Amino acid sequence: MSEPAPTAALDSLPSALRERIRGEPSAQQQPCAPPPRTRIATTAPAHVLYLVRTALRAERNPALEVALRIASAQGIPLVCVAVVEDSHPPAVPRLRRPPTDRSAAFRLEALSELQPAFEKRGTALWVHLVRDGCRAAVAMSLAARAALVVAEEHFGASRMSAYVNSGMIDPATMARDAASARADKFLDEFVGWREAPYVWCLRHPGGYARAAVAVPAWGRNQLAGCGGGGEGPSLAELESGRTGDAYWDDCQRCLALSGELHNNVRMAWGKAVPAWWEAAAGELLIHLNDSFALDGGAPPSYGGLLWCLGWRDKPGPGGAPAPESPTQSPSPPPTAPCLRR
């Protein structure tokens, strides 16, 4: 939140919006604030700045509601900026890479549909493509002239996974609708299993996707005995769905074509990989998922992959793999038990 903060306008917000607000120190209070030459001095705030990041929707968007109300109360314009990163995810150097054409198109198409929706709400949405590290300069320039900077909490996935992760639908509405329909199983998956990976990634920022960190000892022991000695399909065969396992190949081709896999199907798809490549299973799963899945790169997506290796799971009787586990041995084919089901 930049200075001067419109305290009275914030205090006048409805309680449903006010309870969602968490103030941040201004740039002057930050220990890593940029040097004075990067700030633009103004005699009066020029606008309210809303950084659109995780809620790509014009309705049921608390951050947008706050920004609109504050701008109206202050009598100044609202500037909405959506940043499209040139690498994904931006906060994890280990995984910095250009986004796939699919993920970039998915986000850009949503933003193009969002612009007229923002116009109907009385504001414009600017799309800023980050190139050559210019994000900080642009953001600081806009923030320095703002009365208030509104940003979404990014620590905060049905076939709705990609849409929820990209903020194209309100998760609270989904949860209420599911509760009204008595969809208890959906709520358990949507609330419990979706939130747990976010908490895990938040608490383990340096190694949340590393099997050595995430997988418990019993899981690592099972993986060591599952037979994946490093003579499985090549990366090219995995990516193109030419492993020789008909069920797994169909899963991979479906993922490559549509960007999606049914929850249970992705479990079988993921649990087969350690039977071929035990030591590299985690990295291979992340590579395949992030390269082809629309919800790749999101904590709930990583949670599903890590579960395939033992995260938040429990061992079978006596610590041995369950009889139907696709990772028990590489012969018969890893997905044979799932194919029989």
Protein backbone atom coordinates (compact mmCIF):
# COMPACT_ATOMS: atom_id res chain seq x y z
CA MET A 1 0.00 0.00 0.00
CA SER A 2 1.57 3.29 -1.07
CA GLU A 3 1.40 6.58 0.80
CA PRO A 4 -0.74 8.46 1.45
CA ALA A 5 -3.15 5.67 2.30
CA PRO A 6 -6.83 6.72 2.00
CA THR A 7 -7.65 5.47 5.48
CA ALA A 8 -11.14 6.92 5.67
CA ALA A 9 -12.13 5.35 2.35
CA LEU A 10 -10.78 1.99 3.47
CA ASP A 11 -12.65 2.20 6.76
CA SER A 12 -15.90 2.93 4.91
CA LEU A 13 -15.76 -0.31 2.92
CA PRO A 14 -18.34 -3.04 3.65
CA SER A 15 -17.14 -5.54 6.25
CA ALA A 16 -17.11 -8.35 3.65
CA LEU A 17 -14.42 -6.42 1.76
CA ARG A 18 -12.66 -4.85 4.73
CA GLU A 19 -11.94 -8.22 6.33
CA ARG A 20 -10.06 -9.32 3.20
CA ILE A 21 -7.61 -6.41 3.28
CA ARG A 22 -4.09 -6.81 4.58
CA GLY A 23 -1.94 -3.69 4.49
CA GLU A 24 1.67 -3.74 3.33
CA PRO A 25 4.43 -1.23 4.13
CA SER A 26 5.06 1.48 1.57
CA ALA A 27 8.13 1.52 -0.63
CA GLN A 28 9.81 3.99 1.72
CA GLN A 29 9.49 1.48 4.55
CA GLN A 30 10.83 -1.46 2.59
CA PRO A 31 14.46 -2.39 3.38
CA CYS A 32 15.01 -3.21 -0.32
CA ALA A 33 13.33 -0.08 -1.68
CA PRO A 34 14.75 1.15 -5.00
CA PRO A 35 16.95 4.26 -5.06
CA PRO A 36 15.20 7.65 -5.20
CA ARG A 37 15.92 8.16 -8.90
CA THR A 38 13.52 5.32 -9.79
CA ARG A 39 10.60 7.04 -8.04
CA ILE A 40 8.43 9.66 -9.68
CA ALA A 41 7.59 12.54 -7.40
CA THR A 42 4.09 14.00 -7.65
CA THR A 43 2.27 16.66 -5.69
CA ALA A 44 -0.93 14.60 -5.54
CA PRO A 45 -1.87 10.95 -6.17
CA ALA A 46 -2.81 10.40 -9.80
CA HIS A 47 -4.77 7.16 -9.57
CA VAL A 48 -5.52 3.93 -7.73
CA LEU A 49 -3.49 1.03 -9.11
CA TYR A 50 -4.94 -2.50 -9.25
CA LEU A 51 -2.43 -5.20 -10.20
CA VAL A 52 -4.48 -8.02 -11.77
CA ARG A 53 -2.72 -11.29 -11.14
CA THR A 54 -4.77 -14.18 -9.78
CA ALA A 55 -8.39 -13.09 -10.36
CA LEU A 56 -9.07 -12.80 -14.08
CA ARG A 57 -12.74 -11.87 -13.74
CA ALA A 58 -14.80 -8.70 -13.49
CA GLU A 59 -17.52 -10.07 -11.18
CA ARG A 60 -17.16 -11.45 -7.66
CA ASN A 61 -13.65 -10.06 -7.54
CA PRO A 62 -13.02 -8.50 -4.10
CA ALA A 63 -9.78 -6.81 -5.15
CA LEU A 64 -11.50 -5.06 -8.06
CA GLU A 65 -14.41 -4.03 -5.83
CA VAL A 66 -12.03 -2.46 -3.33
CA ALA A 67 -10.11 -0.64 -6.07
CA LEU A 68 -13.28 0.69 -7.71
CA ARG A 69 -14.72 1.94 -4.42
CA ILE A 70 -11.50 3.63 -3.31
CA ALA A 71 -11.00 5.33 -6.67
CA SER A 72 -14.59 6.58 -6.61
CA ALA A 73 -14.27 7.85 -3.03
CA GLN A 74 -11.01 9.65 -3.86
CA GLY A 75 -12.32 11.06 -7.15
CA ILE A 76 -9.35 9.76 -9.13
CA PRO A 77 -9.06 7.21 -11.97
CA LEU A 78 -8.53 3.48 -11.48
CA VAL A 79 -5.65 1.94 -13.42
CA CYS A 80 -5.84 -1.87 -13.81
CA VAL A 81 -2.75 -3.67 -15.09
CA ALA A 82 -2.44 -7.40 -15.84
CA VAL A 83 1.16 -8.57 -16.05
CA VAL A 84 1.97 -11.44 -18.41
CA GLU A 85 5.26 -12.96 -17.31
CA ASP A 86 7.91 -14.11 -19.76
CA SER A 87 8.69 -17.04 -17.46
CA HIS A 88 6.49 -19.28 -15.33
CA PRO A 89 6.25 -19.42 -12.41
CA PRO A 90 8.05 -16.08 -11.85
CA ALA A 91 8.89 -16.56 -8.16
CA VAL A 92 10.86 -19.83 -8.51
CA PRO A 93 14.26 -19.37 -10.17
CA ARG A 94 14.74 -23.13 -10.45
CA LEU A 95 11.73 -23.34 -12.73
CA ARG A 96 12.13 -20.11 -14.69
CA ARG A 97 11.35 -20.82 -18.33
CA PRO A 98 9.27 -19.34 -21.14
CA PRO A 99 5.58 -20.26 -20.87
CA THR A 100 4.28 -22.83 -23.32
CA ASP A 101 2.29 -21.55 -26.29
CA ARG A 102 -0.77 -23.23 -24.76
CA SER A 103 -0.50 -21.58 -21.35
CA ALA A 104 0.29 -18.18 -22.86
CA ALA A 105 -2.66 -18.38 -25.27
CA PHE A 106 -4.97 -19.53 -22.45
CA ARG A 107 -4.15 -16.47 -20.35
CA LEU A 108 -4.07 -13.95 -23.21
CA GLU A 109 -7.44 -15.12 -24.57
CA ALA A 110 -8.93 -14.70 -21.11
CA LEU A 111 -7.48 -11.21 -20.79
CA SER A 112 -8.85 -10.18 -24.19
CA GLU A 113 -12.34 -11.23 -23.03
CA LEU A 114 -11.79 -9.49 -19.70
CA GLN A 115 -11.01 -6.06 -21.16
CA PRO A 116 -14.60 -5.29 -22.31
CA ALA A 117 -15.90 -6.65 -19.00
CA PHE A 118 -13.69 -4.16 -17.13
CA GLU A 119 -14.91 -1.37 -19.41
CA LYS A 120 -18.48 -2.16 -18.37
CA ARG A 121 -17.37 -1.68 -14.76
CA GLY A 122 -16.07 1.78 -15.65
CA THR A 123 -12.36 1.15 -15.92
CA ALA A 124 -9.80 -0.03 -18.46
CA LEU A 125 -7.53 -3.08 -18.24
CA TRP A 126 -4.00 -2.70 -19.53
CA VAL A 127 -1.99 -5.83 -20.39
CA HIS A 128 1.74 -5.53 -19.78
CA LEU A 129 4.06 -8.16 -21.27
CA VAL A 130 7.24 -8.46 -19.25
CA ARG A 131 10.39 -8.41 -21.36
CA ASP A 132 14.04 -8.12 -20.30
CA GLY A 133 13.24 -7.48 -16.67
CA CYS A 134 11.29 -4.27 -17.23
CA ARG A 135 8.52 -5.28 -14.83
CA ALA A 136 10.01 -3.63 -11.76
CA ALA A 137 10.51 -0.26 -13.47
CA VAL A 138 6.98 -0.16 -14.89
CA ALA A 139 5.37 -1.28 -11.64
CA MET A 140 7.37 1.22 -9.56
CA SER A 141 6.53 4.04 -11.97
CA LEU A 142 2.79 3.37 -11.70
CA ALA A 143 2.92 2.65 -7.96
CA ALA A 144 4.86 5.83 -7.19
CA ARG A 145 1.97 7.94 -8.53
CA ALA A 146 -0.79 5.88 -6.89
CA ALA A 147 -2.89 6.81 -3.89
CA LEU A 148 -3.31 3.09 -3.24
CA VAL A 149 -1.96 -0.12 -4.76
CA VAL A 150 -4.39 -3.04 -4.67
CA ALA A 151 -2.82 -6.46 -5.26
CA GLU A 152 -4.23 -9.95 -4.91
CA GLU A 153 -2.77 -12.32 -2.34
CA HIS A 154 -0.90 -14.88 -4.44
CA PHE A 155 -0.20 -17.27 -1.57
CA GLY A 156 -3.61 -17.79 -0.95
CA ALA A 157 -7.30 -26.51 -7.97
CA SER A 158 -13.23 -30.72 -11.46
CA ARG A 159 -12.29 -29.66 -14.96
CA MET A 160 -12.29 -26.23 -13.36
CA SER A 161 -8.69 -26.54 -12.17
CA ALA A 162 -7.08 -24.32 -14.80
CA TYR A 163 -9.87 -21.72 -14.48
CA VAL A 164 -9.61 -21.61 -10.68
CA ASN A 165 -5.81 -21.40 -10.75
CA SER A 166 -5.96 -18.54 -13.27
CA GLY A 167 -8.62 -16.68 -11.28
CA MET A 168 -11.25 -16.86 -14.03
CA ILE A 169 -13.96 -18.00 -11.60
CA ASP A 170 -14.66 -17.16 -7.97
CA PRO A 171 -13.73 -20.14 -5.75
CA ALA A 172 -16.05 -18.98 -2.95
CA THR A 173 -19.01 -19.16 -5.34
CA MET A 174 -17.97 -22.65 -6.41
CA ALA A 175 -17.69 -23.77 -2.79
CA ARG A 176 -21.11 -22.34 -1.90
CA ASP A 177 -22.73 -23.96 -4.93
CA ALA A 178 -21.13 -27.29 -4.05
CA ALA A 179 -22.32 -27.02 -0.45
CA SER A 180 -25.87 -26.22 -1.62
CA ALA A 181 -25.77 -29.28 -3.85
CA ARG A 182 -24.45 -31.43 -0.96
CA ALA A 183 -21.38 -32.28 -3.04
CA ASP A 184 -19.31 -33.28 -0.01
CA LYS A 185 -16.66 -35.16 -1.99
CA PHE A 186 -16.13 -32.14 -4.26
CA LEU A 187 -15.83 -29.84 -1.26
CA ASP A 188 -13.26 -32.12 0.35
CA GLU A 189 -11.17 -32.09 -2.81
CA PHE A 190 -11.75 -28.42 -3.58
CA VAL A 191 -11.13 -26.99 -0.12
CA GLY A 192 -8.91 -29.51 1.68
CA TRP A 193 -6.80 -30.88 -1.15
CA ARG A 194 -6.56 -27.56 -2.92
CA GLU A 195 -5.48 -25.59 0.15
CA ALA A 196 -2.93 -28.14 1.41
CA PRO A 197 -0.54 -27.72 -1.56
CA TYR A 198 -0.70 -23.93 -1.20
CA VAL A 199 0.29 -24.23 2.46
CA TRP A 200 3.05 -26.70 1.59
CA CYS A 201 4.50 -24.47 -1.15
CA LEU A 202 4.29 -21.40 1.10
CA ARG A 203 6.19 -23.12 3.91
CA HIS A 204 8.79 -24.74 1.63
CA PRO A 205 9.60 -22.06 -0.98
CA GLY A 206 13.03 -23.51 -1.75
CA GLY A 207 12.10 -27.15 -2.23
CA TYR A 208 8.36 -27.61 -2.41
CA ALA A 209 8.58 -29.61 -5.66
CA ARG A 210 11.57 -31.75 -4.69
CA ALA A 211 10.75 -35.37 -3.93
CA ALA A 212 13.63 -35.55 -1.44
CA VAL A 213 11.90 -32.85 0.60
CA ALA A 214 8.23 -33.66 0.05
CA VAL A 215 8.12 -37.46 0.00
CA PRO A 216 8.20 -39.17 3.43
CA ALA A 217 10.80 -41.83 4.22
CA TRP A 218 8.42 -44.76 3.66
CA GLY A 219 7.58 -43.35 0.22
CA ARG A 220 11.23 -42.97 -0.72
CA ASN A 221 11.85 -46.56 0.42
CA GLN A 222 8.97 -47.81 -1.72
CA LEU A 223 10.23 -45.87 -4.70
CA ALA A 224 13.71 -47.34 -4.25
CA GLY A 225 12.21 -50.84 -4.52
CA CYS A 226 9.72 -50.24 -7.28
CA GLY A 227 12.03 -51.37 -10.03
CA GLY A 228 12.66 -48.08 -11.84
CA GLY A 229 16.30 -48.67 -12.58
CA GLY A 230 16.71 -46.08 -15.29
CA GLU A 231 16.00 -48.17 -18.40
CA GLY A 232 12.55 -46.84 -19.15
CA PRO A 233 11.18 -44.81 -22.05
CA SER A 234 13.14 -41.77 -23.17
CA LEU A 235 11.91 -38.24 -22.52
CA ALA A 236 10.85 -37.94 -26.17
CA GLU A 237 8.86 -41.20 -25.90
CA LEU A 238 7.19 -39.98 -22.71
CA GLU A 239 6.29 -36.60 -24.21
CA SER A 240 4.84 -38.12 -27.38
CA GLY A 241 3.05 -41.02 -25.66
CA ARG A 242 5.11 -43.80 -27.26
CA THR A 243 6.16 -45.83 -24.21
CA GLY A 244 4.50 -49.10 -25.26
CA ASP A 245 2.07 -48.98 -22.33
CA ALA A 246 -1.22 -48.42 -24.17
CA TYR A 247 -3.10 -46.93 -21.21
CA TRP A 248 -0.33 -44.52 -20.22
CA ASP A 249 0.23 -43.50 -23.82
CA ASP A 250 -3.48 -42.67 -24.20
CA CYS A 251 -3.31 -40.56 -21.03
CA GLN A 252 -0.27 -38.65 -22.25
CA ARG A 253 -1.75 -38.05 -25.70
CA CYS A 254 -4.95 -36.80 -24.11
CA LEU A 255 -2.94 -34.43 -21.92
CA ALA A 256 -0.96 -33.20 -24.92
CA LEU A 257 -4.10 -32.64 -27.00
CA SER A 258 -6.44 -31.13 -24.41
CA GLY A 259 -4.23 -29.86 -21.60
CA GLU A 260 -6.33 -31.82 -19.07
CA LEU A 261 -6.57 -35.20 -17.38
CA HIS A 262 -9.32 -36.47 -15.11
CA ASN A 263 -8.23 -36.53 -11.47
CA ASN A 264 -8.08 -40.32 -11.12
CA VAL A 265 -6.57 -40.72 -14.56
CA ARG A 266 -3.76 -38.32 -13.67
CA MET A 267 -3.07 -40.39 -10.54
CA ALA A 268 -2.56 -43.53 -12.61
CA TRP A 269 -0.55 -41.58 -15.17
CA GLY A 270 1.68 -40.17 -12.44
CA LYS A 271 2.16 -43.36 -10.45
CA ALA A 272 3.45 -45.20 -13.52
CA VAL A 273 6.51 -43.01 -14.03
CA PRO A 274 8.52 -44.19 -10.96
CA ALA A 275 8.32 -47.76 -12.27
CA TRP A 276 10.41 -46.60 -15.22
CA TRP A 277 12.51 -43.82 -13.72
CA GLU A 278 12.64 -43.99 -9.93
CA ALA A 279 15.33 -41.39 -9.23
CA ALA A 280 14.04 -38.84 -11.74
CA ALA A 281 10.30 -39.49 -11.30
CA GLY A 282 9.56 -36.18 -9.59
CA GLU A 283 11.40 -34.05 -12.14
CA LEU A 284 9.88 -35.95 -15.06
CA LEU A 285 6.34 -35.58 -13.73
CA ILE A 286 6.80 -31.84 -13.19
CA HIS A 287 8.29 -31.43 -16.66
CA LEU A 288 5.45 -33.32 -18.36
CA ASN A 289 2.74 -31.64 -16.33
CA ASP A 290 4.10 -28.10 -16.69
CA SER A 291 4.72 -28.58 -20.41
CA PHE A 292 1.25 -29.83 -21.32
CA ALA A 293 -1.29 -29.19 -18.54
CA LEU A 294 -3.31 -25.98 -18.42
CA ASP A 295 -2.99 -26.03 -14.63
CA GLY A 296 0.75 -26.72 -14.74
CA GLY A 297 2.89 -24.61 -12.42
CA ALA A 298 0.15 -24.24 -9.79
CA PRO A 299 0.50 -25.58 -6.22
CA PRO A 300 -2.57 -27.88 -6.46
CA SER A 301 -1.06 -29.37 -9.60
CA TYR A 302 2.22 -30.03 -7.81
CA GLY A 303 0.29 -31.51 -4.90
CA GLY A 304 -1.24 -34.12 -7.20
CA LEU A 305 2.15 -35.02 -8.63
CA LEU A 306 3.81 -35.30 -5.23
CA TRP A 307 0.93 -37.45 -3.99
CA CYS A 308 1.86 -39.96 -6.70
CA LEU A 309 5.21 -40.29 -4.92
CA GLY A 310 3.81 -40.51 -1.38
CA TRP A 311 3.14 -36.94 -0.23
CA ARG A 312 0.11 -36.84 2.13
CA ASP A 313 -0.42 -40.55 1.46
CA LYS A 314 0.14 -43.58 3.69
CA PRO A 315 1.89 -46.90 3.11
CA GLY A 316 0.11 -50.18 2.52
CA PRO A 317 0.13 -53.08 5.03
CA GLY A 318 3.56 -53.54 6.56
CA GLY A 319 4.89 -50.51 4.73
CA ALA A 320 4.72 -52.28 1.38
CA PRO A 321 3.03 -50.86 -1.70
CA ALA A 322 -0.65 -51.62 -2.01
CA PRO A 323 -1.26 -54.60 -4.35
CA GLU A 324 -3.01 -52.47 -6.96
CA SER A 325 -0.33 -49.77 -6.95
CA PRO A 326 0.88 -49.00 -10.48
CA THR A 327 4.38 -48.45 -9.07
CA GLN A 328 4.79 -51.96 -7.68
CA SER A 329 6.82 -53.27 -10.60
CA PRO A 330 7.50 -52.48 -14.20
CA SER A 331 6.23 -55.84 -15.44
CA PRO A 332 3.32 -56.22 -16.12
CA PRO A 333 3.04 -52.67 -17.53
CA PRO A 334 2.81 -49.98 -14.82
CA THR A 335 -0.80 -49.05 -15.58
CA ALA A 336 -2.15 -52.59 -15.95
CA PRO A 337 -4.00 -52.56 -12.58
CA CYS A 338 -5.69 -49.26 -13.47
CA LEU A 339 -6.60 -50.52 -16.93
CA ARG A 340 -8.28 -53.57 -15.36
CA ARG A 341 -10.34 -51.29 -13.09
